[in-house]
Amino acid sequence: MQANAHLNHARFARGFTLVELLVVIAIIAVLAALIFPSLSRAKQRAYQVGCISNLRQTGVALQLWLGDNGDLLPPGEAGLSEGWGLYAGQKALYGPSDGGNSKYRLVYYLATYLGSPAPDANKDFFCKIFSCPGNLVYNQDLPGGTTNFTSYRSVTPANTSLGGQGYCGFTNWGPFGFAAGSWMQPSHKITDISQVTPLSQAWAMVDVDAVGDPGLAGIPDYIVAPEPVHRKVRNYLWFDSHVSGEPVSAAPDGNYLYPN
């Protein structure tokens, strides 16, 4: 009886053989190879869905701004009286560290509608809703912090300069105007857009990256993703407030939509 007990104890205490361990490791490796791509795709999809949600909220905020400002797009009367509009690159950061440029960015005017603090000349704020979640992750290791990057770009006169071949048939003006150089001009009313094209066919903002916007990527003030954040699609916010994911252009410069 005692001998049998020792025999059973030895049988259960011997552990795994090297071959058994290798088989288990191989099985785990195969399972990981099958699961990880699916997890990566799911994570990318989650980023895109989060980005779409943020853009939708931004669209609602823009409509609220229009209701409070006589249908005049940001920067509103201030820009109209001074003759300037907005920059192309849209950051979620606004405050003194932006070097006095915040008033040329859309978030400056929509922040309170998005639940963020009103602009303060002495304090920086970061409006998370105004940033793409995928872009936020991509830039998390930036030197000096995680907030001074550009997630989106707005439409400017540069997008309209192709006339009938360009953005929605506009010829020489952009809905938000522009804040610098020979294209400097104030913003327009939303009704100015609807007289040219349906609001559902004119985009206000889009995911920005160096493929679609190499010129913007070359400006030191901007930090943009080197390639489309959502890989094969970019998210667009349209002036009727709907958001869509559109395929990245196959053109060499990956340019943005010109939906004529």
Protein backbone atom coordinates (compact mmCIF):
# COMPACT_ATOMS: atom_id res chain seq x y z
CA MET A 1 0.00 0.00 0.00
CA GLN A 2 2.78 2.43 0.99
CA ALA A 3 4.78 1.49 -2.15
CA ASN A 4 1.81 2.29 -4.37
CA ALA A 5 1.43 5.70 -2.69
CA HIS A 6 5.08 6.54 -3.41
CA LEU A 7 4.63 5.40 -7.03
CA ASN A 8 1.56 7.60 -7.56
CA HIS A 9 3.31 10.60 -5.99
CA ALA A 10 6.30 10.16 -8.30
CA ARG A 11 4.03 9.90 -11.35
CA PHE A 12 2.26 13.21 -10.58
CA ALA A 13 5.41 15.09 -9.50
CA ARG A 14 7.52 14.42 -12.58
CA GLY A 15 6.35 17.65 -14.44
CA PHE A 16 6.43 18.33 -18.18
CA THR A 17 9.01 16.95 -20.55
CA LEU A 18 10.90 19.28 -22.89
CA VAL A 19 8.90 18.01 -25.86
CA GLU A 20 5.62 18.75 -24.08
CA LEU A 21 6.76 22.27 -23.23
CA LEU A 22 7.78 22.91 -26.83
CA VAL A 23 4.40 21.69 -28.06
CA VAL A 24 2.57 24.01 -25.64
CA ILE A 25 4.74 26.97 -26.69
CA ALA A 26 4.12 26.21 -30.36
CA ILE A 27 0.36 26.09 -29.78
CA ILE A 28 0.44 29.42 -27.93
CA ALA A 29 2.48 30.98 -30.75
CA VAL A 30 -0.02 29.78 -33.37
CA LEU A 31 -2.95 31.10 -31.36
CA ALA A 32 -1.20 34.46 -30.86
CA ALA A 33 -0.50 34.72 -34.59
CA LEU A 34 -4.19 34.15 -35.27
CA ILE A 35 -5.51 36.49 -32.59
CA PHE A 36 -3.13 39.49 -32.67
CA PRO A 37 -4.02 40.69 -36.21
CA SER A 38 -7.69 40.58 -35.28
CA LEU A 39 -7.00 42.56 -32.12
CA SER A 40 -4.98 45.10 -34.09
CA ARG A 41 -7.80 45.54 -36.62
CA ALA A 42 -10.32 45.86 -33.80
CA LYS A 43 -8.16 48.52 -32.13
CA GLN A 44 -7.80 50.47 -35.39
CA ARG A 45 -11.55 50.26 -35.93
CA ALA A 46 -12.14 51.52 -32.40
CA TYR A 47 -9.88 54.52 -33.11
CA GLN A 48 -11.78 55.31 -36.28
CA VAL A 49 -15.16 55.04 -34.53
CA GLY A 50 -13.88 57.32 -31.76
CA CYS A 51 -12.66 59.79 -34.37
CA ILE A 52 -16.06 59.75 -36.12
CA SER A 53 -17.77 60.39 -32.79
CA ASN A 54 -15.49 63.35 -32.06
CA LEU A 55 -16.08 64.85 -35.50
CA ARG A 56 -19.84 64.48 -35.09
CA GLN A 57 -19.68 66.37 -31.80
CA THR A 58 -17.56 69.01 -33.50
CA GLY A 59 -20.18 69.29 -36.23
CA VAL A 60 -22.89 69.85 -33.62
CA ALA A 61 -20.71 72.46 -31.90
CA LEU A 62 -20.23 74.24 -35.22
CA GLN A 63 -24.00 74.36 -35.75
CA LEU A 64 -24.42 75.85 -32.27
CA TRP A 65 -21.78 78.47 -33.08
CA LEU A 66 -23.59 79.35 -36.30
CA GLY A 67 -26.85 79.79 -34.42
CA ASP A 68 -25.17 82.20 -32.01
CA ASN A 69 -23.30 84.14 -34.69
CA GLY A 70 -25.79 84.87 -37.44
CA ASP A 71 -24.72 81.90 -39.59
CA LEU A 72 -21.19 83.34 -39.90
CA LEU A 73 -18.49 80.68 -39.66
CA PRO A 74 -15.60 81.08 -37.19
CA PRO A 75 -13.82 83.38 -36.50
CA GLY A 76 -17.06 85.33 -36.90
CA GLU A 77 -17.29 89.09 -36.64
CA ALA A 78 -13.77 89.48 -35.24
CA GLY A 79 -12.25 87.97 -38.34
CA LEU A 80 -14.69 89.80 -40.59
CA SER A 81 -13.73 93.19 -39.19
CA GLU A 82 -10.01 92.43 -39.41
CA GLY A 83 -10.09 90.61 -42.74
CA TRP A 84 -8.67 87.27 -41.58
CA GLY A 85 -9.97 83.73 -41.24
CA LEU A 86 -8.48 80.49 -39.90
CA TYR A 87 -5.35 78.44 -40.52
CA ALA A 88 -5.56 75.05 -42.24
CA GLY A 89 -3.99 72.94 -39.48
CA GLN A 90 -6.35 72.27 -36.60
CA LYS A 91 -4.90 71.49 -33.17
CA ALA A 92 -6.76 70.51 -30.03
CA LEU A 93 -4.35 72.64 -27.99
CA TYR A 94 -5.24 76.28 -27.39
CA GLY A 95 -3.50 78.78 -25.16
CA PRO A 96 -0.26 80.78 -24.81
CA SER A 97 2.08 77.93 -25.79
CA ASP A 98 0.57 78.06 -29.30
CA GLY A 99 2.45 81.31 -29.79
CA GLY A 100 -0.56 83.55 -30.23
CA ASN A 101 -1.95 81.39 -33.03
CA SER A 102 -4.91 79.95 -31.14
CA LYS A 103 -7.34 82.57 -32.45
CA TYR A 104 -6.63 81.27 -35.96
CA ARG A 105 -7.75 77.76 -35.06
CA LEU A 106 -11.29 76.40 -34.96
CA VAL A 107 -11.05 74.91 -31.44
CA TYR A 108 -10.62 78.42 -30.01
CA TYR A 109 -14.21 79.19 -31.01
CA LEU A 110 -15.83 75.80 -30.43
CA ALA A 111 -14.15 74.81 -27.14
CA THR A 112 -16.98 75.83 -24.82
CA TYR A 113 -19.56 74.12 -27.06
CA LEU A 114 -17.50 70.93 -26.67
CA GLY A 115 -17.38 71.14 -22.87
CA SER A 116 -13.87 72.59 -22.66
CA PRO A 117 -12.88 75.80 -20.83
CA ALA A 118 -13.08 79.16 -22.53
CA PRO A 119 -9.74 80.38 -23.92
CA ASP A 120 -7.41 81.94 -21.36
CA ALA A 121 -4.42 84.05 -22.36
CA ASN A 122 -2.45 82.65 -19.41
CA LYS A 123 -3.33 78.97 -19.51
CA ASP A 124 -3.19 76.09 -21.99
CA PHE A 125 -6.08 73.73 -22.55
CA PHE A 126 -6.43 70.56 -24.59
CA CYS A 127 -9.85 69.76 -26.05
CA LYS A 128 -9.74 65.97 -26.33
CA ILE A 129 -12.89 65.85 -28.47
CA PHE A 130 -11.04 67.93 -31.06
CA SER A 131 -8.36 65.26 -31.54
CA CYS A 132 -8.40 61.90 -33.31
CA PRO A 133 -7.94 59.04 -30.78
CA GLY A 134 -5.60 57.23 -33.18
CA ASN A 135 -3.54 60.38 -33.62
CA LEU A 136 -3.44 60.85 -29.86
CA VAL A 137 -1.92 57.39 -29.43
CA TYR A 138 0.49 57.91 -32.33
CA ASN A 139 1.85 61.10 -30.74
CA GLN A 140 1.99 59.95 -27.12
CA ASP A 141 5.80 59.90 -27.05
CA LEU A 142 6.34 63.33 -28.58
CA PRO A 143 9.14 65.33 -26.95
CA GLY A 144 7.76 68.01 -24.68
CA GLY A 145 4.32 66.48 -24.28
CA THR A 146 1.47 64.87 -26.13
CA THR A 147 -0.74 67.78 -27.10
CA ASN A 148 1.07 69.94 -29.65
CA PHE A 149 0.13 67.96 -32.75
CA THR A 150 -2.38 68.37 -35.56
CA SER A 151 -5.18 65.83 -36.01
CA TYR A 152 -7.30 67.58 -38.59
CA ARG A 153 -7.17 70.21 -41.28
CA SER A 154 -9.96 72.52 -42.33
CA VAL A 155 -10.79 73.57 -45.85
CA THR A 156 -9.00 76.74 -46.99
CA PRO A 157 -8.76 78.76 -50.22
CA ALA A 158 -5.81 76.56 -51.17
CA ASN A 159 -8.28 73.67 -51.54
CA THR A 160 -10.45 75.76 -53.83
CA SER A 161 -7.76 77.11 -56.15
CA LEU A 162 -8.42 74.48 -58.81
CA GLY A 163 -11.72 76.15 -59.61
CA GLY A 164 -14.12 73.82 -61.39
CA GLN A 165 -11.69 70.94 -60.85
CA GLY A 166 -11.24 71.73 -57.18
CA TYR A 167 -13.17 71.66 -53.97
CA CYS A 168 -16.89 71.61 -54.72
CA GLY A 169 -16.58 74.09 -57.56
CA PHE A 170 -15.43 77.04 -55.43
CA THR A 171 -13.04 79.29 -57.29
CA ASN A 172 -11.05 81.53 -54.98
CA TRP A 173 -12.46 81.45 -51.46
CA GLY A 174 -12.71 79.06 -48.53
CA PRO A 175 -15.62 78.83 -46.06
CA PHE A 176 -13.36 79.63 -43.07
CA GLY A 177 -11.34 82.17 -45.02
CA PHE A 178 -7.61 82.13 -44.32
CA ALA A 179 -5.24 83.80 -41.87
CA ALA A 180 -2.04 84.45 -43.79
CA GLY A 181 -0.35 85.36 -47.05
CA SER A 182 -1.95 86.19 -50.38
CA TRP A 183 -4.96 83.98 -49.53
CA MET A 184 -5.84 86.02 -46.42
CA GLN A 185 -9.60 86.59 -46.24
CA PRO A 186 -12.42 86.49 -43.67
CA SER A 187 -14.80 83.60 -43.20
CA HIS A 188 -18.15 83.31 -44.93
CA LYS A 189 -21.71 82.56 -43.96
CA ILE A 190 -22.92 78.99 -44.18
CA THR A 191 -25.48 80.19 -46.73
CA ASP A 192 -22.63 81.21 -49.05
CA ILE A 193 -21.69 77.54 -49.27
CA SER A 194 -25.23 76.30 -49.86
CA GLN A 195 -25.56 78.70 -52.80
CA VAL A 196 -22.66 76.90 -54.49
CA THR A 197 -23.20 73.28 -53.50
CA PRO A 198 -25.30 71.17 -51.08
CA LEU A 199 -23.86 71.30 -47.56
CA SER A 200 -23.72 67.51 -47.60
CA GLN A 201 -21.15 67.70 -50.41
CA ALA A 202 -18.80 70.27 -48.91
CA TRP A 203 -16.34 69.06 -46.27
CA ALA A 204 -15.29 71.24 -43.35
CA MET A 205 -12.56 69.11 -41.76
CA VAL A 206 -10.63 65.93 -42.53
CA ASP A 207 -8.00 63.70 -40.92
CA VAL A 208 -4.62 65.18 -41.76
CA ASP A 209 -1.43 63.29 -42.66
CA ALA A 210 1.78 63.87 -44.59
CA VAL A 211 0.58 61.76 -47.53
CA GLY A 212 -2.48 63.89 -48.18
CA ASP A 213 -0.90 67.15 -47.08
CA PRO A 214 2.88 67.14 -47.66
CA GLY A 215 2.93 70.95 -47.67
CA LEU A 216 1.38 71.18 -44.20
CA ALA A 217 3.66 68.44 -42.93
CA GLY A 218 6.66 70.53 -43.93
CA ILE A 219 5.71 73.44 -41.64
CA PRO A 220 7.60 73.25 -38.30
CA ASP A 221 4.57 74.50 -36.35
CA TYR A 222 2.65 71.37 -37.31
CA ILE A 223 3.21 67.76 -36.32
CA VAL A 224 1.16 65.42 -38.47
CA ALA A 225 1.05 61.65 -38.88
CA PRO A 226 3.37 60.39 -41.67
CA GLU A 227 0.57 58.35 -43.23
CA PRO A 228 -3.24 58.09 -42.92
CA VAL A 229 -4.05 57.36 -39.29
CA HIS A 230 -6.92 55.05 -40.24
CA ARG A 231 -4.86 53.45 -43.00
CA LYS A 232 -7.21 53.03 -45.96
CA VAL A 233 -9.74 55.72 -45.08
CA ARG A 234 -9.90 59.30 -43.84
CA ASN A 235 -12.79 60.68 -41.82
CA TYR A 236 -14.51 63.79 -43.17
CA LEU A 237 -16.81 66.24 -41.37
CA TRP A 238 -19.24 67.81 -43.86
CA PHE A 239 -20.99 71.14 -43.45
CA ASP A 240 -24.36 69.49 -42.90
CA SER A 241 -22.72 67.86 -39.83
CA HIS A 242 -22.62 64.29 -41.13
CA VAL A 243 -19.34 62.38 -40.95
CA SER A 244 -18.09 59.76 -43.38
CA GLY A 245 -15.02 57.60 -43.85
CA GLU A 246 -13.79 57.97 -47.42
CA PRO A 247 -11.14 55.82 -49.16
CA VAL A 248 -7.68 57.34 -49.33
CA SER A 249 -6.97 58.49 -52.88
CA ALA A 250 -4.76 56.29 -55.04
CA ALA A 251 -3.12 59.43 -56.44
CA PRO A 252 0.60 59.82 -55.62
CA ASP A 253 -0.04 62.69 -53.20
CA GLY A 254 -3.08 61.01 -51.62
CA ASN A 255 -5.00 64.26 -52.03
CA TYR A 256 -8.28 65.05 -50.31
CA LEU A 257 -11.72 64.75 -51.82
CA TYR A 258 -12.74 67.14 -54.55
CA PRO A 259 -16.36 65.98 -54.91
CA ASN A 260 -17.55 67.67 -58.09
